[in-house]
Amino acid sequence: MTADRAYLDHNATSPVRPAVSQAVARALSLPGNPSSVHAEGRAARAMLEEARERVARLVGATPPQVTFTSGGTEAANAV
């Protein structure tokens, strides 16, 4: 977006903040499955658990109370 243009179609999608793009790129650079025991998996697990802790602090929860899903439908079906 630019300063002279307002994006109002947030129902369809929203612009991504640069910091979010950088965090996603960093996560995608890790080839490991966080459930694997090899070094790449452990690195991916560490990043996942750090994210869980940060989200928990943000919403006033404990890390075990934070569950990540693949999207809105999976989240809705989980409750």
PDB file of N, CA and C in Angstrom:
ATOM      1  N   MET A   1       0.833  -1.173   0.000  1.00  0.00           N
ATOM      2  CA  MET A   1       0.000   0.000   0.000  1.00  0.00           C
ATOM      3  C   MET A   1       0.876   1.234   0.000  1.00  0.00           C
ATOM      4  N   THR A   2       0.297   2.281  -0.495  1.00  0.00           N
ATOM      5  CA  THR A   2       1.002   3.558  -0.529  1.00  0.00           C
ATOM      6  C   THR A   2       0.238   4.559   0.318  1.00  0.00           C
ATOM      7  N   ALA A   3       0.872   5.678   0.596  1.00  0.00           N
ATOM      8  CA  ALA A   3       0.249   6.696   1.437  1.00  0.00           C
ATOM      9  C   ALA A   3      -0.975   7.310   0.776  1.00  0.00           C
ATOM     10  N   ASP A   4      -1.059   7.286  -0.558  1.00  0.00           N
ATOM     11  CA  ASP A   4      -2.191   7.908  -1.243  1.00  0.00           C
ATOM     12  C   ASP A   4      -3.294   6.909  -1.597  1.00  0.00           C
ATOM     13  N   ARG A   5      -3.192   5.688  -1.106  1.00  0.00           N
ATOM     14  CA  ARG A   5      -4.195   4.674  -1.437  1.00  0.00           C
ATOM     15  C   ARG A   5      -4.574   3.906  -0.171  1.00  0.00           C
ATOM     16  N   ALA A   6      -5.863   3.747   0.065  1.00  0.00           N
ATOM     17  CA  ALA A   6      -6.349   2.995   1.221  1.00  0.00           C
ATOM     18  C   ALA A   6      -6.897   1.654   0.754  1.00  0.00           C
ATOM     19  N   TYR A   7      -6.452   0.582   1.370  1.00  0.00           N
ATOM     20  CA  TYR A   7      -6.925  -0.763   1.045  1.00  0.00           C
ATOM     21  C   TYR A   7      -8.053  -1.102   2.009  1.00  0.00           C
ATOM     22  N   LEU A   8      -9.249  -1.350   1.502  1.00  0.00           N
ATOM     23  CA  LEU A   8     -10.407  -1.575   2.362  1.00  0.00           C
ATOM     24  C   LEU A   8     -11.014  -2.963   2.217  1.00  0.00           C
ATOM     25  N   ASP A   9     -10.447  -3.830   1.395  1.00  0.00           N
ATOM     26  CA  ASP A   9     -11.027  -5.153   1.163  1.00  0.00           C
ATOM     27  C   ASP A   9     -10.403  -6.200   2.086  1.00  0.00           C
ATOM     28  N   HIS A  10     -10.414  -5.935   3.382  1.00  0.00           N
ATOM     29  CA  HIS A  10      -9.808  -6.860   4.334  1.00  0.00           C
ATOM     30  C   HIS A  10     -10.622  -8.133   4.512  1.00  0.00           C
ATOM     31  N   ASN A  11     -11.833  -8.198   3.971  1.00  0.00           N
ATOM     32  CA  ASN A  11     -12.596  -9.438   4.012  1.00  0.00           C
ATOM     33  C   ASN A  11     -11.937 -10.489   3.125  1.00  0.00           C
ATOM     34  N   ALA A  12     -11.355 -10.079   2.003  1.00  0.00           N
ATOM     35  CA  ALA A  12     -10.719 -11.014   1.076  1.00  0.00           C
ATOM     36  C   ALA A  12      -9.303 -11.363   1.523  1.00  0.00           C
ATOM     37  N   THR A  13      -8.533 -10.371   1.861  1.00  0.00           N
ATOM     38  CA  THR A  13      -7.160 -10.560   2.319  1.00  0.00           C
ATOM     39  C   THR A  13      -6.671  -9.239   2.890  1.00  0.00           C
ATOM     40  N   SER A  14      -5.563  -9.273   3.568  1.00  0.00           N
ATOM     41  CA  SER A  14      -5.001  -8.052   4.140  1.00  0.00           C
ATOM     42  C   SER A  14      -3.540  -7.931   3.748  1.00  0.00           C
ATOM     43  N   PRO A  15      -3.060  -6.700   3.607  1.00  0.00           N
ATOM     44  CA  PRO A  15      -1.639  -6.524   3.319  1.00  0.00           C
ATOM     45  C   PRO A  15      -0.799  -7.122   4.456  1.00  0.00           C
ATOM     46  N   VAL A  16       0.337  -7.679   4.111  1.00  0.00           N
ATOM     47  CA  VAL A  16       1.214  -8.308   5.097  1.00  0.00           C
ATOM     48  C   VAL A  16       2.281  -7.311   5.532  1.00  0.00           C
ATOM     49  N   ARG A  17       2.447  -7.176   6.830  1.00  0.00           N
ATOM     50  CA  ARG A  17       3.485  -6.290   7.362  1.00  0.00           C
ATOM     51  C   ARG A  17       4.862  -6.862   7.025  1.00  0.00           C
ATOM     52  N   PRO A  18       5.832  -5.999   6.746  1.00  0.00           N
ATOM     53  CA  PRO A  18       7.180  -6.484   6.414  1.00  0.00           C
ATOM     54  C   PRO A  18       7.773  -7.405   7.484  1.00  0.00           C
ATOM     55  N   ALA A  19       7.552  -7.106   8.757  1.00  0.00           N
ATOM     56  CA  ALA A  19       8.094  -7.959   9.824  1.00  0.00           C
ATOM     57  C   ALA A  19       7.496  -9.361   9.766  1.00  0.00           C
ATOM     58  N   VAL A  20       6.225  -9.453   9.383  1.00  0.00           N
ATOM     59  CA  VAL A  20       5.575 -10.760   9.255  1.00  0.00           C
ATOM     60  C   VAL A  20       6.172 -11.522   8.081  1.00  0.00           C
ATOM     61  N   SER A  21       6.370 -10.844   6.965  1.00  0.00           N
ATOM     62  CA  SER A  21       6.989 -11.483   5.797  1.00  0.00           C
ATOM     63  C   SER A  21       8.367 -12.030   6.147  1.00  0.00           C
ATOM     64  N   GLN A  22       9.134 -11.267   6.905  1.00  0.00           N
ATOM     65  CA  GLN A  22      10.474 -11.709   7.293  1.00  0.00           C
ATOM     66  C   GLN A  22      10.408 -12.923   8.215  1.00  0.00           C
ATOM     67  N   ALA A  23       9.470 -12.927   9.150  1.00  0.00           N
ATOM     68  CA  ALA A  23       9.335 -14.061  10.067  1.00  0.00           C
ATOM     69  C   ALA A  23       8.910 -15.321   9.321  1.00  0.00           C
ATOM     70  N   VAL A  24       7.992 -15.182   8.379  1.00  0.00           N
ATOM     71  CA  VAL A  24       7.551 -16.335   7.588  1.00  0.00           C
ATOM     72  C   VAL A  24       8.708 -16.861   6.746  1.00  0.00           C
ATOM     73  N   ALA A  25       9.456 -15.976   6.129  1.00  0.00           N
ATOM     74  CA  ALA A  25      10.605 -16.403   5.320  1.00  0.00           C
ATOM     75  C   ALA A  25      11.621 -17.142   6.177  1.00  0.00           C
ATOM     76  N   ARG A  26      11.846 -16.660   7.392  1.00  0.00           N
ATOM     77  CA  ARG A  26      12.783 -17.324   8.302  1.00  0.00           C
ATOM     78  C   ARG A  26      12.279 -18.725   8.658  1.00  0.00           C
ATOM     79  N   ALA A  27      10.983 -18.854   8.936  1.00  0.00           N
ATOM     80  CA  ALA A  27      10.407 -20.159   9.274  1.00  0.00           C
ATOM     81  C   ALA A  27      10.472 -21.113   8.090  1.00  0.00           C
ATOM     82  N   LEU A  28      10.208 -20.599   6.899  1.00  0.00           N
ATOM     83  CA  LEU A  28      10.232 -21.454   5.713  1.00  0.00           C
ATOM     84  C   LEU A  28      11.643 -21.881   5.330  1.00  0.00           C
ATOM     85  N   SER A  29      12.643 -21.198   5.850  1.00  0.00           N
ATOM     86  CA  SER A  29      14.024 -21.574   5.540  1.00  0.00           C
ATOM     87  C   SER A  29      14.459 -22.809   6.323  1.00  0.00           C
ATOM     88  N   LEU A  30      13.680 -23.192   7.335  1.00  0.00           N
ATOM     89  CA  LEU A  30      14.002 -24.393   8.111  1.00  0.00           C
ATOM     90  C   LEU A  30      13.336 -25.599   7.458  1.00  0.00           C
ATOM     91  N   PRO A  31      14.125 -26.550   6.973  1.00  0.00           N
ATOM     92  CA  PRO A  31      13.541 -27.678   6.259  1.00  0.00           C
ATOM     93  C   PRO A  31      12.971 -28.753   7.171  1.00  0.00           C
ATOM     94  N   GLY A  32      13.179 -28.651   8.463  1.00  0.00           N
ATOM     95  CA  GLY A  32      12.822 -29.735   9.370  1.00  0.00           C
ATOM     96  C   GLY A  32      11.364 -29.790   9.761  1.00  0.00           C
ATOM     97  N   ASN A  33      10.908 -30.999  10.007  1.00  0.00           N
ATOM     98  CA  ASN A  33       9.592 -31.256  10.579  1.00  0.00           C
ATOM     99  C   ASN A  33       9.756 -31.141  12.092  1.00  0.00           C
ATOM    100  N   PRO A  34       8.979 -30.290  12.770  1.00  0.00           N
ATOM    101  CA  PRO A  34       9.177 -30.102  14.208  1.00  0.00           C
ATOM    102  C   PRO A  34       8.926 -31.355  15.041  1.00  0.00           C
ATOM    103  N   SER A  35       8.384 -32.395  14.434  1.00  0.00           N
ATOM    104  CA  SER A  35       8.181 -33.661  15.145  1.00  0.00           C
ATOM    105  C   SER A  35       9.344 -34.626  14.943  1.00  0.00           C
ATOM    106  N   SER A  36      10.331 -34.245  14.134  1.00  0.00           N
ATOM    107  CA  SER A  36      11.485 -35.109  13.876  1.00  0.00           C
ATOM    108  C   SER A  36      12.557 -34.902  14.939  1.00  0.00           C
ATOM    109  N   VAL A  37      13.411 -35.910  15.105  1.00  0.00           N
ATOM    110  CA  VAL A  37      14.443 -35.834  16.141  1.00  0.00           C
ATOM    111  C   VAL A  37      15.797 -35.377  15.605  1.00  0.00           C
ATOM    112  N   HIS A  38      15.944 -35.237  14.285  1.00  0.00           N
ATOM    113  CA  HIS A  38      17.232 -34.798  13.750  1.00  0.00           C
ATOM    114  C   HIS A  38      17.407 -33.299  13.994  1.00  0.00           C
ATOM    115  N   ALA A  39      18.604 -32.802  13.696  1.00  0.00           N
ATOM    116  CA  ALA A  39      18.950 -31.404  14.010  1.00  0.00           C
ATOM    117  C   ALA A  39      17.988 -30.411  13.377  1.00  0.00           C
ATOM    118  N   GLU A  40      17.606 -30.654  12.119  1.00  0.00           N
ATOM    119  CA  GLU A  40      16.682 -29.736  11.445  1.00  0.00           C
ATOM    120  C   GLU A  40      15.317 -29.737  12.133  1.00  0.00           C
ATOM    121  N   GLY A  41      14.869 -30.902  12.544  1.00  0.00           N
ATOM    122  CA  GLY A  41      13.594 -30.998  13.251  1.00  0.00           C
ATOM    123  C   GLY A  41      13.636 -30.298  14.596  1.00  0.00           C
ATOM    124  N   ARG A  42      14.745 -30.453  15.298  1.00  0.00           N
ATOM    125  CA  ARG A  42      14.878 -29.780  16.598  1.00  0.00           C
ATOM    126  C   ARG A  42      14.904 -28.268  16.433  1.00  0.00           C
ATOM    127  N   ALA A  43      15.546 -27.780  15.358  1.00  0.00           N
ATOM    128  CA  ALA A  43      15.564 -26.330  15.104  1.00  0.00           C
ATOM    129  C   ALA A  43      14.158 -25.828  14.794  1.00  0.00           C
ATOM    130  N   ALA A  44      13.415 -26.591  14.000  1.00  0.00           N
ATOM    131  CA  ALA A  44      12.033 -26.210  13.689  1.00  0.00           C
ATOM    132  C   ALA A  44      11.174 -26.246  14.948  1.00  0.00           C
ATOM    133  N   ARG A  45      11.366 -27.247  15.798  1.00  0.00           N
ATOM    134  CA  ARG A  45      10.611 -27.354  17.058  1.00  0.00           C
ATOM    135  C   ARG A  45      10.918 -26.167  17.959  1.00  0.00           C
ATOM    136  N   ALA A  46      12.184 -25.764  18.031  1.00  0.00           N
ATOM    137  CA  ALA A  46      12.560 -24.619  18.870  1.00  0.00           C
ATOM    138  C   ALA A  46      11.865 -23.354  18.389  1.00  0.00           C
ATOM    139  N   MET A  47      11.811 -23.151  17.071  1.00  0.00           N
ATOM    140  CA  MET A  47      11.141 -21.970  16.533  1.00  0.00           C
ATOM    141  C   MET A  47       9.637 -22.027  16.828  1.00  0.00           C
ATOM    142  N   LEU A  48       9.050 -23.193  16.696  1.00  0.00           N
ATOM    143  CA  LEU A  48       7.625 -23.364  16.977  1.00  0.00           C
ATOM    144  C   LEU A  48       7.320 -23.069  18.442  1.00  0.00           C
ATOM    145  N   GLU A  49       8.133 -23.595  19.338  1.00  0.00           N
ATOM    146  CA  GLU A  49       7.891 -23.377  20.765  1.00  0.00           C
ATOM    147  C   GLU A  49       8.127 -21.927  21.164  1.00  0.00           C
ATOM    148  N   GLU A  50       9.091 -21.263  20.520  1.00  0.00           N
ATOM    149  CA  GLU A  50       9.295 -19.832  20.782  1.00  0.00           C
ATOM    150  C   GLU A  50       8.057 -19.045  20.359  1.00  0.00           C
ATOM    151  N   ALA A  51       7.499 -19.390  19.208  1.00  0.00           N
ATOM    152  CA  ALA A  51       6.278 -18.719  18.745  1.00  0.00           C
ATOM    153  C   ALA A  51       5.129 -18.976  19.712  1.00  0.00           C
ATOM    154  N   ARG A  52       5.016 -20.218  20.196  1.00  0.00           N
ATOM    155  CA  ARG A  52       3.946 -20.558  21.144  1.00  0.00           C
ATOM    156  C   ARG A  52       4.074 -19.727  22.418  1.00  0.00           C
ATOM    157  N   GLU A  53       5.296 -19.578  22.917  1.00  0.00           N
ATOM    158  CA  GLU A  53       5.522 -18.778  24.125  1.00  0.00           C
ATOM    159  C   GLU A  53       5.187 -17.308  23.892  1.00  0.00           C
ATOM    160  N   ARG A  54       5.556 -16.780  22.729  1.00  0.00           N
ATOM    161  CA  ARG A  54       5.285 -15.368  22.435  1.00  0.00           C
ATOM    162  C   ARG A  54       3.787 -15.113  22.308  1.00  0.00           C
ATOM    163  N   VAL A  55       3.078 -16.013  21.645  1.00  0.00           N
ATOM    164  CA  VAL A  55       1.624 -15.865  21.518  1.00  0.00           C
ATOM    165  C   VAL A  55       0.975 -15.965  22.895  1.00  0.00           C
ATOM    166  N   ALA A  56       1.435 -16.901  23.710  1.00  0.00           N
ATOM    167  CA  ALA A  56       0.877 -17.058  25.056  1.00  0.00           C
ATOM    168  C   ALA A  56       1.035 -15.772  25.865  1.00  0.00           C
ATOM    169  N   ARG A  57       2.223 -15.180  25.824  1.00  0.00           N
ATOM    170  CA  ARG A  57       2.436 -13.911  26.545  1.00  0.00           C
ATOM    171  C   ARG A  57       1.520 -12.822  26.009  1.00  0.00           C
ATOM    172  N   LEU A  58       1.358 -12.779  24.694  1.00  0.00           N
ATOM    173  CA  LEU A  58       0.541 -11.744  24.060  1.00  0.00           C
ATOM    174  C   LEU A  58      -0.908 -11.800  24.525  1.00  0.00           C
ATOM    175  N   VAL A  59      -1.443 -13.010  24.693  1.00  0.00           N
ATOM    176  CA  VAL A  59      -2.864 -13.151  25.032  1.00  0.00           C
ATOM    177  C   VAL A  59      -3.102 -13.502  26.495  1.00  0.00           C
ATOM    178  N   GLY A  60      -2.046 -13.513  27.311  1.00  0.00           N
ATOM    179  CA  GLY A  60      -2.203 -13.798  28.732  1.00  0.00           C
ATOM    180  C   GLY A  60      -2.531 -15.249  29.018  1.00  0.00           C
ATOM    181  N   ALA A  61      -1.925 -16.154  28.267  1.00  0.00           N
ATOM    182  CA  ALA A  61      -2.152 -17.586  28.447  1.00  0.00           C
ATOM    183  C   ALA A  61      -0.828 -18.255  28.788  1.00  0.00           C
ATOM    184  N   THR A  62      -0.878 -19.550  28.993  1.00  0.00           N
ATOM    185  CA  THR A  62       0.340 -20.334  29.154  1.00  0.00           C
ATOM    186  C   THR A  62       0.614 -21.046  27.831  1.00  0.00           C
ATOM    187  N   PRO A  63       1.865 -21.366  27.543  1.00  0.00           N
ATOM    188  CA  PRO A  63       2.165 -22.034  26.272  1.00  0.00           C
ATOM    189  C   PRO A  63       1.331 -23.289  25.991  1.00  0.00           C
ATOM    190  N   PRO A  64       1.065 -24.154  26.980  1.00  0.00           N
ATOM    191  CA  PRO A  64       0.240 -25.334  26.662  1.00  0.00           C
ATOM    192  C   PRO A  64      -1.199 -24.995  26.240  1.00  0.00           C
ATOM    193  N   GLN A  65      -1.635 -23.782  26.539  1.00  0.00           N
ATOM    194  CA  GLN A  65      -2.985 -23.372  26.140  1.00  0.00           C
ATOM    195  C   GLN A  65      -3.047 -22.880  24.698  1.00  0.00           C
ATOM    196  N   VAL A  66      -1.909 -22.723  24.044  1.00  0.00           N
ATOM    197  CA  VAL A  66      -1.851 -22.219  22.668  1.00  0.00           C
ATOM    198  C   VAL A  66      -1.736 -23.397  21.706  1.00  0.00           C
ATOM    199  N   THR A  67      -2.676 -23.469  20.775  1.00  0.00           N
ATOM    200  CA  THR A  67      -2.666 -24.513  19.750  1.00  0.00           C
ATOM    201  C   THR A  67      -2.628 -23.851  18.389  1.00  0.00           C
ATOM    202  N   PHE A  68      -1.734 -24.297  17.540  1.00  0.00           N
ATOM    203  CA  PHE A  68      -1.655 -23.791  16.174  1.00  0.00           C
ATOM    204  C   PHE A  68      -2.401 -24.745  15.250  1.00  0.00           C
ATOM    205  N   THR A  69      -3.163 -24.180  14.322  1.00  0.00           N
ATOM    206  CA  THR A  69      -3.867 -24.980  13.325  1.00  0.00           C
ATOM    207  C   THR A  69      -3.480 -24.484  11.936  1.00  0.00           C
ATOM    208  N   SER A  70      -3.921 -25.224  10.923  1.00  0.00           N
ATOM    209  CA  SER A  70      -3.568 -24.849   9.550  1.00  0.00           C
ATOM    210  C   SER A  70      -4.446 -23.736   9.003  1.00  0.00           C
ATOM    211  N   GLY A  71      -5.531 -23.412   9.687  1.00  0.00           N
ATOM    212  CA  GLY A  71      -6.404 -22.354   9.198  1.00  0.00           C
ATOM    213  C   GLY A  71      -7.695 -22.275   9.993  1.00  0.00           C
ATOM    214  N   GLY A  72      -8.580 -21.411   9.528  1.00  0.00           N
ATOM    215  CA  GLY A  72      -9.830 -21.149  10.231  1.00  0.00           C
ATOM    216  C   GLY A  72     -10.752 -22.352  10.332  1.00  0.00           C
ATOM    217  N   THR A  73     -10.866 -23.130   9.269  1.00  0.00           N
ATOM    218  CA  THR A  73     -11.759 -24.291   9.295  1.00  0.00           C
ATOM    219  C   THR A  73     -11.277 -25.319  10.302  1.00  0.00           C
ATOM    220  N   GLU A  74      -9.987 -25.612  10.298  1.00  0.00           N
ATOM    221  CA  GLU A  74      -9.456 -26.569  11.265  1.00  0.00           C
ATOM    222  C   GLU A  74      -9.646 -26.055  12.691  1.00  0.00           C
ATOM    223  N   ALA A  75      -9.433 -24.761  12.903  1.00  0.00           N
ATOM    224  CA  ALA A  75      -9.608 -24.182  14.235  1.00  0.00           C
ATOM    225  C   ALA A  75     -11.062 -24.277  14.683  1.00  0.00           C
ATOM    226  N   ALA A  76     -11.997 -23.977  13.782  1.00  0.00           N
ATOM    227  CA  ALA A  76     -13.417 -24.055  14.131  1.00  0.00           C
ATOM    228  C   ALA A  76     -13.824 -25.486  14.444  1.00  0.00           C
ATOM    229  N   ASN A  77     -13.281 -26.441  13.718  1.00  0.00           N
ATOM    230  CA  ASN A  77     -13.613 -27.843  13.960  1.00  0.00           C
ATOM    231  C   ASN A  77     -12.969 -28.391  15.222  1.00  0.00           C
ATOM    232  N   ALA A  78     -11.972 -27.693  15.750  1.00  0.00           N
ATOM    233  CA  ALA A  78     -11.279 -28.159  16.949  1.00  0.00           C
ATOM    234  C   ALA A  78     -12.031 -27.814  18.229  1.00  0.00           C
ATOM    235  N   VAL A  79     -12.983 -26.893  18.140  1.00  0.00           N
ATOM    236  CA  VAL A  79     -13.717 -26.495  19.350  1.00  0.00           C
ATOM    237  C   VAL A  79     -15.085 -27.121  19.413  1.00  0.00           C
TER     238      VAL A  79
END
